[in-house]
Every structure is written in C-alpha cells, then in structure tokens.
Amino acid sequence: GLKTNEFDLLGGGNRVFAQTPDAGTTVKPGS
C-alpha cells in the first residue's frame, strides 16, 4: 500500500541498492 519514487542512477534500472525510509520503518499507508 505504498507509493514508489525511483532514482535510476546509471540508466540500467536493474537492482535496488538503497531505499528511504529504511526497511522495517512504520509509515502511513500511501506514503
């Protein structure tokens, strides 16, 4: 139930190497 903002730094769009907020953080639905 979350939205995604994506930054493709090298143009390959292959694998996620970082995320914000961190895994396990609790947020409101739709964040």
PDB file of all heavy atoms in Angstrom:
ATOM      1  N   GLY A   1       0.804  -1.221   0.000  1.00  0.00           N
ATOM      2  CA  GLY A   1       0.000   0.000   0.000  1.00  0.00           C
ATOM      3  C   GLY A   1       0.831   1.263   0.000  1.00  0.00           C
ATOM      4  O   GLY A   1       0.386   2.317   0.451  1.00  0.00           O
ATOM      5  N   LEU A   2       2.051   1.166  -0.539  1.00  0.00           N
ATOM      6  CA  LEU A   2       2.969   2.304  -0.563  1.00  0.00           C
ATOM      7  C   LEU A   2       3.244   2.750  -1.993  1.00  0.00           C
ATOM      8  O   LEU A   2       3.156   1.964  -2.927  1.00  0.00           O
ATOM      9  CB  LEU A   2       4.280   1.908   0.128  1.00  0.00           C
ATOM     10  CG  LEU A   2       4.125   1.463   1.582  1.00  0.00           C
ATOM     11  CD1 LEU A   2       5.417   0.851   2.095  1.00  0.00           C
ATOM     12  CD2 LEU A   2       3.682   2.617   2.457  1.00  0.00           C
ATOM     13  N   LYS A   3       3.606   4.011  -2.141  1.00  0.00           N
ATOM     14  CA  LYS A   3       3.971   4.568  -3.448  1.00  0.00           C
ATOM     15  C   LYS A   3       5.484   4.460  -3.629  1.00  0.00           C
ATOM     16  O   LYS A   3       6.230   4.398  -2.655  1.00  0.00           O
ATOM     17  CB  LYS A   3       3.547   6.032  -3.534  1.00  0.00           C
ATOM     18  CG  LYS A   3       2.053   6.226  -3.440  1.00  0.00           C
ATOM     19  CD  LYS A   3       1.701   7.692  -3.460  1.00  0.00           C
ATOM     20  CE  LYS A   3       0.203   7.862  -3.271  1.00  0.00           C
ATOM     21  NZ  LYS A   3      -0.168   9.268  -3.154  1.00  0.00           N
ATOM     22  N   THR A   4       5.914   4.456  -4.878  1.00  0.00           N
ATOM     23  CA  THR A   4       7.340   4.322  -5.181  1.00  0.00           C
ATOM     24  C   THR A   4       7.856   5.550  -5.911  1.00  0.00           C
ATOM     25  O   THR A   4       7.271   5.984  -6.895  1.00  0.00           O
ATOM     26  CB  THR A   4       7.599   3.094  -6.069  1.00  0.00           C
ATOM     27  OG1 THR A   4       7.063   1.941  -5.438  1.00  0.00           O
ATOM     28  CG2 THR A   4       9.079   2.886  -6.304  1.00  0.00           C
ATOM     29  N   ASN A   5       8.960   6.102  -5.420  1.00  0.00           N
ATOM     30  CA  ASN A   5       9.752   7.092  -6.146  1.00  0.00           C
ATOM     31  C   ASN A   5      11.033   6.376  -6.513  1.00  0.00           C
ATOM     32  O   ASN A   5      11.663   5.757  -5.658  1.00  0.00           O
ATOM     33  CB  ASN A   5      10.092   8.304  -5.275  1.00  0.00           C
ATOM     34  CG  ASN A   5       8.885   9.140  -4.965  1.00  0.00           C
ATOM     35  OD1 ASN A   5       7.972   9.254  -5.759  1.00  0.00           O
ATOM     36  ND2 ASN A   5       8.868   9.714  -3.780  1.00  0.00           N
ATOM     37  N   GLU A   6      11.415   6.458  -7.778  1.00  0.00           N
ATOM     38  CA  GLU A   6      12.585   5.709  -8.225  1.00  0.00           C
ATOM     39  C   GLU A   6      13.638   6.635  -8.817  1.00  0.00           C
ATOM     40  O   GLU A   6      13.324   7.498  -9.634  1.00  0.00           O
ATOM     41  CB  GLU A   6      12.158   4.682  -9.278  1.00  0.00           C
ATOM     42  CG  GLU A   6      13.273   3.808  -9.764  1.00  0.00           C
ATOM     43  CD  GLU A   6      12.779   2.707 -10.697  1.00  0.00           C
ATOM     44  OE1 GLU A   6      11.612   2.299 -10.584  1.00  0.00           O
ATOM     45  OE2 GLU A   6      13.573   2.270 -11.534  1.00  0.00           O
ATOM     46  N   PHE A   7      14.880   6.421  -8.398  1.00  0.00           N
ATOM     47  CA  PHE A   7      16.018   7.119  -8.975  1.00  0.00           C
ATOM     48  C   PHE A   7      16.912   6.074  -9.612  1.00  0.00           C
ATOM     49  O   PHE A   7      17.496   5.236  -8.923  1.00  0.00           O
ATOM     50  CB  PHE A   7      16.801   7.916  -7.924  1.00  0.00           C
ATOM     51  CG  PHE A   7      16.076   9.144  -7.464  1.00  0.00           C
ATOM     52  CD1 PHE A   7      15.329   9.116  -6.293  1.00  0.00           C
ATOM     53  CD2 PHE A   7      16.113  10.302  -8.200  1.00  0.00           C
ATOM     54  CE1 PHE A   7      14.643  10.232  -5.860  1.00  0.00           C
ATOM     55  CE2 PHE A   7      15.427  11.430  -7.791  1.00  0.00           C
ATOM     56  CZ  PHE A   7      14.688  11.403  -6.610  1.00  0.00           C
ATOM     57  N   ASP A   8      17.001   6.108 -10.935  1.00  0.00           N
ATOM     58  CA  ASP A   8      17.843   5.177 -11.691  1.00  0.00           C
ATOM     59  C   ASP A   8      19.141   5.913 -11.985  1.00  0.00           C
ATOM     60  O   ASP A   8      19.222   6.707 -12.913  1.00  0.00           O
ATOM     61  CB  ASP A   8      17.117   4.766 -12.971  1.00  0.00           C
ATOM     62  CG  ASP A   8      17.830   3.670 -13.727  1.00  0.00           C
ATOM     63  OD1 ASP A   8      18.986   3.369 -13.397  1.00  0.00           O
ATOM     64  OD2 ASP A   8      17.214   3.115 -14.646  1.00  0.00           O
ATOM     65  N   LEU A   9      20.159   5.646 -11.183  1.00  0.00           N
ATOM     66  CA  LEU A   9      21.390   6.423 -11.248  1.00  0.00           C
ATOM     67  C   LEU A   9      22.247   6.143 -12.471  1.00  0.00           C
ATOM     68  O   LEU A   9      22.934   7.026 -12.954  1.00  0.00           O
ATOM     69  CB  LEU A   9      22.202   6.207  -9.973  1.00  0.00           C
ATOM     70  CG  LEU A   9      21.479   6.628  -8.685  1.00  0.00           C
ATOM     71  CD1 LEU A   9      22.355   6.361  -7.472  1.00  0.00           C
ATOM     72  CD2 LEU A   9      21.082   8.090  -8.744  1.00  0.00           C
ATOM     73  N   LEU A  10      22.228   4.906 -12.965  1.00  0.00           N
ATOM     74  CA  LEU A  10      23.085   4.570 -14.101  1.00  0.00           C
ATOM     75  C   LEU A  10      22.320   4.296 -15.385  1.00  0.00           C
ATOM     76  O   LEU A  10      22.908   3.967 -16.401  1.00  0.00           O
ATOM     77  CB  LEU A  10      23.959   3.351 -13.747  1.00  0.00           C
ATOM     78  CG  LEU A  10      24.883   3.534 -12.546  1.00  0.00           C
ATOM     79  CD1 LEU A  10      25.620   2.242 -12.242  1.00  0.00           C
ATOM     80  CD2 LEU A  10      25.863   4.659 -12.785  1.00  0.00           C
ATOM     81  N   GLY A  11      21.006   4.385 -15.321  1.00  0.00           N
ATOM     82  CA  GLY A  11      20.206   4.160 -16.518  1.00  0.00           C
ATOM     83  C   GLY A  11      19.909   2.704 -16.808  1.00  0.00           C
ATOM     84  O   GLY A  11      19.218   2.391 -17.763  1.00  0.00           O
ATOM     85  N   GLY A  12      20.418   1.794 -15.991  1.00  0.00           N
ATOM     86  CA  GLY A  12      20.178   0.373 -16.221  1.00  0.00           C
ATOM     87  C   GLY A  12      18.879  -0.119 -15.615  1.00  0.00           C
ATOM     88  O   GLY A  12      18.227  -1.004 -16.140  1.00  0.00           O
ATOM     89  N   GLY A  13      18.498   0.476 -14.487  1.00  0.00           N
ATOM     90  CA  GLY A  13      17.254   0.108 -13.838  1.00  0.00           C
ATOM     91  C   GLY A  13      17.198  -1.331 -13.383  1.00  0.00           C
ATOM     92  O   GLY A  13      16.150  -1.961 -13.421  1.00  0.00           O
ATOM     93  N   ASN A  14      18.330  -1.868 -12.959  1.00  0.00           N
ATOM     94  CA  ASN A  14      18.390  -3.288 -12.662  1.00  0.00           C
ATOM     95  C   ASN A  14      18.040  -3.628 -11.217  1.00  0.00           C
ATOM     96  O   ASN A  14      16.999  -4.212 -10.956  1.00  0.00           O
ATOM     97  CB  ASN A  14      19.778  -3.821 -13.010  1.00  0.00           C
ATOM     98  CG  ASN A  14      19.830  -5.333 -13.055  1.00  0.00           C
ATOM     99  OD1 ASN A  14      18.806  -5.991 -13.081  1.00  0.00           O
ATOM    100  ND2 ASN A  14      21.019  -5.873 -13.038  1.00  0.00           N
ATOM    101  N   ARG A  15      18.893  -3.283 -10.260  1.00  0.00           N
ATOM    102  CA  ARG A  15      18.690  -3.696  -8.865  1.00  0.00           C
ATOM    103  C   ARG A  15      18.673  -2.501  -7.914  1.00  0.00           C
ATOM    104  O   ARG A  15      19.379  -1.518  -8.117  1.00  0.00           O
ATOM    105  CB  ARG A  15      19.790  -4.651  -8.430  1.00  0.00           C
ATOM    106  CG  ARG A  15      19.749  -5.946  -9.183  1.00  0.00           C
ATOM    107  CD  ARG A  15      19.952  -7.131  -8.280  1.00  0.00           C
ATOM    108  NE  ARG A  15      19.868  -8.353  -9.067  1.00  0.00           N
ATOM    109  CZ  ARG A  15      18.876  -9.223  -8.964  1.00  0.00           C
ATOM    110  NH1 ARG A  15      17.905  -9.025  -8.125  1.00  0.00           N
ATOM    111  NH2 ARG A  15      18.865 -10.305  -9.706  1.00  0.00           N
ATOM    112  N   VAL A  16      17.891  -2.648  -6.842  1.00  0.00           N
ATOM    113  CA  VAL A  16      17.800  -1.621  -5.810  1.00  0.00           C
ATOM    114  C   VAL A  16      18.998  -1.773  -4.877  1.00  0.00           C
ATOM    115  O   VAL A  16      19.248  -2.850  -4.349  1.00  0.00           O
ATOM    116  CB  VAL A  16      16.489  -1.780  -5.004  1.00  0.00           C
ATOM    117  CG1 VAL A  16      16.424  -0.749  -3.880  1.00  0.00           C
ATOM    118  CG2 VAL A  16      15.275  -1.673  -5.918  1.00  0.00           C
ATOM    119  N   PHE A  17      19.763  -0.691  -4.702  1.00  0.00           N
ATOM    120  CA  PHE A  17      20.907  -0.753  -3.799  1.00  0.00           C
ATOM    121  C   PHE A  17      20.679   0.055  -2.522  1.00  0.00           C
ATOM    122  O   PHE A  17      21.441  -0.074  -1.560  1.00  0.00           O
ATOM    123  CB  PHE A  17      22.213  -0.330  -4.491  1.00  0.00           C
ATOM    124  CG  PHE A  17      22.284   1.121  -4.862  1.00  0.00           C
ATOM    125  CD1 PHE A  17      22.763   2.061  -3.976  1.00  0.00           C
ATOM    126  CD2 PHE A  17      21.879   1.536  -6.123  1.00  0.00           C
ATOM    127  CE1 PHE A  17      22.836   3.404  -4.314  1.00  0.00           C
ATOM    128  CE2 PHE A  17      21.946   2.872  -6.484  1.00  0.00           C
ATOM    129  CZ  PHE A  17      22.418   3.806  -5.575  1.00  0.00           C
ATOM    130  N   ALA A  18      19.618   0.869  -2.486  1.00  0.00           N
ATOM    131  CA  ALA A  18      19.284   1.627  -1.278  1.00  0.00           C
ATOM    132  C   ALA A  18      17.818   2.023  -1.322  1.00  0.00           C
ATOM    133  O   ALA A  18      17.202   2.058  -2.403  1.00  0.00           O
ATOM    134  CB  ALA A  18      20.164   2.868  -1.170  1.00  0.00           C
ATOM    135  N   GLN A  19      17.268   2.308  -0.145  1.00  0.00           N
ATOM    136  CA  GLN A  19      15.882   2.756  -0.063  1.00  0.00           C
ATOM    137  C   GLN A  19      15.724   3.704   1.102  1.00  0.00           C
ATOM    138  O   GLN A  19      16.473   3.655   2.068  1.00  0.00           O
ATOM    139  CB  GLN A  19      14.929   1.573   0.093  1.00  0.00           C
ATOM    140  CG  GLN A  19      15.041   0.866   1.441  1.00  0.00           C
ATOM    141  CD  GLN A  19      14.130  -0.338   1.549  1.00  0.00           C
ATOM    142  OE1 GLN A  19      14.414  -1.352   0.939  1.00  0.00           O
ATOM    143  NE2 GLN A  19      13.063  -0.207   2.319  1.00  0.00           N
ATOM    144  N   THR A  20      14.744   4.597   0.978  1.00  0.00           N
ATOM    145  CA  THR A  20      14.411   5.547   2.040  1.00  0.00           C
ATOM    146  C   THR A  20      12.900   5.645   2.113  1.00  0.00           C
ATOM    147  O   THR A  20      12.268   5.902   1.085  1.00  0.00           O
ATOM    148  CB  THR A  20      14.982   6.943   1.732  1.00  0.00           C
ATOM    149  OG1 THR A  20      16.386   6.846   1.550  1.00  0.00           O
ATOM    150  CG2 THR A  20      14.703   7.904   2.851  1.00  0.00           C
ATOM    151  N   PRO A  21      12.281   5.437   3.252  1.00  0.00           N
ATOM    152  CA  PRO A  21      12.858   5.090   4.535  1.00  0.00           C
ATOM    153  C   PRO A  21      13.356   3.644   4.566  1.00  0.00           C
ATOM    154  O   PRO A  21      13.036   2.844   3.687  1.00  0.00           O
ATOM    155  CB  PRO A  21      11.711   5.295   5.532  1.00  0.00           C
ATOM    156  CG  PRO A  21      10.467   5.186   4.731  1.00  0.00           C
ATOM    157  CD  PRO A  21      10.820   5.611   3.345  1.00  0.00           C
ATOM    158  N   ASP A  22      14.112   3.331   5.603  1.00  0.00           N
ATOM    159  CA  ASP A  22      14.701   2.003   5.757  1.00  0.00           C
ATOM    160  C   ASP A  22      13.633   0.931   5.947  1.00  0.00           C
ATOM    161  O   ASP A  22      12.536   1.209   6.432  1.00  0.00           O
ATOM    162  CB  ASP A  22      15.638   1.970   6.969  1.00  0.00           C
ATOM    163  CG  ASP A  22      16.887   2.812   6.771  1.00  0.00           C
ATOM    164  OD1 ASP A  22      17.321   2.961   5.614  1.00  0.00           O
ATOM    165  OD2 ASP A  22      17.425   3.318   7.774  1.00  0.00           O
ATOM    166  N   ALA A  23      13.987  -0.289   5.595  1.00  0.00           N
ATOM    167  CA  ALA A  23      13.106  -1.438   5.811  1.00  0.00           C
ATOM    168  C   ALA A  23      12.751  -1.542   7.290  1.00  0.00           C
ATOM    169  O   ALA A  23      13.593  -1.293   8.152  1.00  0.00           O
ATOM    170  CB  ALA A  23      13.792  -2.718   5.346  1.00  0.00           C
ATOM    171  N   GLY A  24      11.494  -1.886   7.558  1.00  0.00           N
ATOM    172  CA  GLY A  24      11.035  -2.042   8.929  1.00  0.00           C
ATOM    173  C   GLY A  24      10.473  -0.779   9.544  1.00  0.00           C
ATOM    174  O   GLY A  24       9.796  -0.830  10.565  1.00  0.00           O
ATOM    175  N   THR A  25      10.756   0.371   8.932  1.00  0.00           N
ATOM    176  CA  THR A  25      10.189   1.626   9.407  1.00  0.00           C
ATOM    177  C   THR A  25       8.678   1.567   9.220  1.00  0.00           C
ATOM    178  O   THR A  25       8.197   1.052   8.220  1.00  0.00           O
ATOM    179  CB  THR A  25      10.765   2.811   8.595  1.00  0.00           C
ATOM    180  OG1 THR A  25      12.184   2.807   8.707  1.00  0.00           O
ATOM    181  CG2 THR A  25      10.211   4.137   9.069  1.00  0.00           C
ATOM    182  N   THR A  26       7.923   2.081  10.165  1.00  0.00           N
ATOM    183  CA  THR A  26       6.472   2.107  10.009  1.00  0.00           C
ATOM    184  C   THR A  26       6.040   3.487   9.514  1.00  0.00           C
ATOM    185  O   THR A  26       6.494   4.511  10.017  1.00  0.00           O
ATOM    186  CB  THR A  26       5.739   1.752  11.319  1.00  0.00           C
ATOM    187  OG1 THR A  26       6.189   2.604  12.360  1.00  0.00           O
ATOM    188  CG2 THR A  26       5.974   0.305  11.697  1.00  0.00           C
ATOM    189  N   VAL A  27       5.180   3.460   8.496  1.00  0.00           N
ATOM    190  CA  VAL A  27       4.697   4.684   7.860  1.00  0.00           C
ATOM    191  C   VAL A  27       3.194   4.568   7.629  1.00  0.00           C
ATOM    192  O   VAL A  27       2.622   3.486   7.707  1.00  0.00           O
ATOM    193  CB  VAL A  27       5.425   4.946   6.521  1.00  0.00           C
ATOM    194  CG1 VAL A  27       6.913   5.179   6.732  1.00  0.00           C
ATOM    195  CG2 VAL A  27       5.197   3.797   5.546  1.00  0.00           C
ATOM    196  N   LYS A  28       2.558   5.686   7.309  1.00  0.00           N
ATOM    197  CA  LYS A  28       1.136   5.679   6.984  1.00  0.00           C
ATOM    198  C   LYS A  28       0.929   5.018   5.624  1.00  0.00           C
ATOM    199  O   LYS A  28       1.769   5.161   4.724  1.00  0.00           O
ATOM    200  CB  LYS A  28       0.589   7.108   6.924  1.00  0.00           C
ATOM    201  CG  LYS A  28       0.538   7.799   8.263  1.00  0.00           C
ATOM    202  CD  LYS A  28      -0.018   9.192   8.107  1.00  0.00           C
ATOM    203  CE  LYS A  28      -0.007   9.931   9.434  1.00  0.00           C
ATOM    204  NZ  LYS A  28      -0.503  11.312   9.283  1.00  0.00           N
ATOM    205  N   PRO A  29      -0.184   4.309   5.436  1.00  0.00           N
ATOM    206  CA  PRO A  29      -0.495   3.753   4.109  1.00  0.00           C
ATOM    207  C   PRO A  29      -0.505   4.880   3.071  1.00  0.00           C
ATOM    208  O   PRO A  29      -0.950   5.989   3.368  1.00  0.00           O
ATOM    209  CB  PRO A  29      -1.889   3.157   4.289  1.00  0.00           C
ATOM    210  CG  PRO A  29      -2.025   2.917   5.757  1.00  0.00           C
ATOM    211  CD  PRO A  29      -1.216   4.000   6.418  1.00  0.00           C
ATOM    212  N   GLY A  30      -0.006   4.583   1.890  1.00  0.00           N
ATOM    213  CA  GLY A  30       0.044   5.587   0.825  1.00  0.00           C
ATOM    214  C   GLY A  30       1.289   6.443   0.850  1.00  0.00           C
ATOM    215  O   GLY A  30       1.482   7.284  -0.023  1.00  0.00           O
ATOM    216  N   SER A  31       2.151   6.242   1.853  1.00  0.00           N
ATOM    217  CA  SER A  31       3.405   7.001   1.918  1.00  0.00           C
ATOM    218  C   SER A  31       4.317   6.585   0.774  1.00  0.00           C
ATOM    219  O   SER A  31       4.178   5.501   0.208  1.00  0.00           O
ATOM    220  CB  SER A  31       4.114   6.738   3.251  1.00  0.00           C
ATOM    221  OG  SER A  31       3.364   7.232   4.325  1.00  0.00           O
TER     222      SER A  31
END
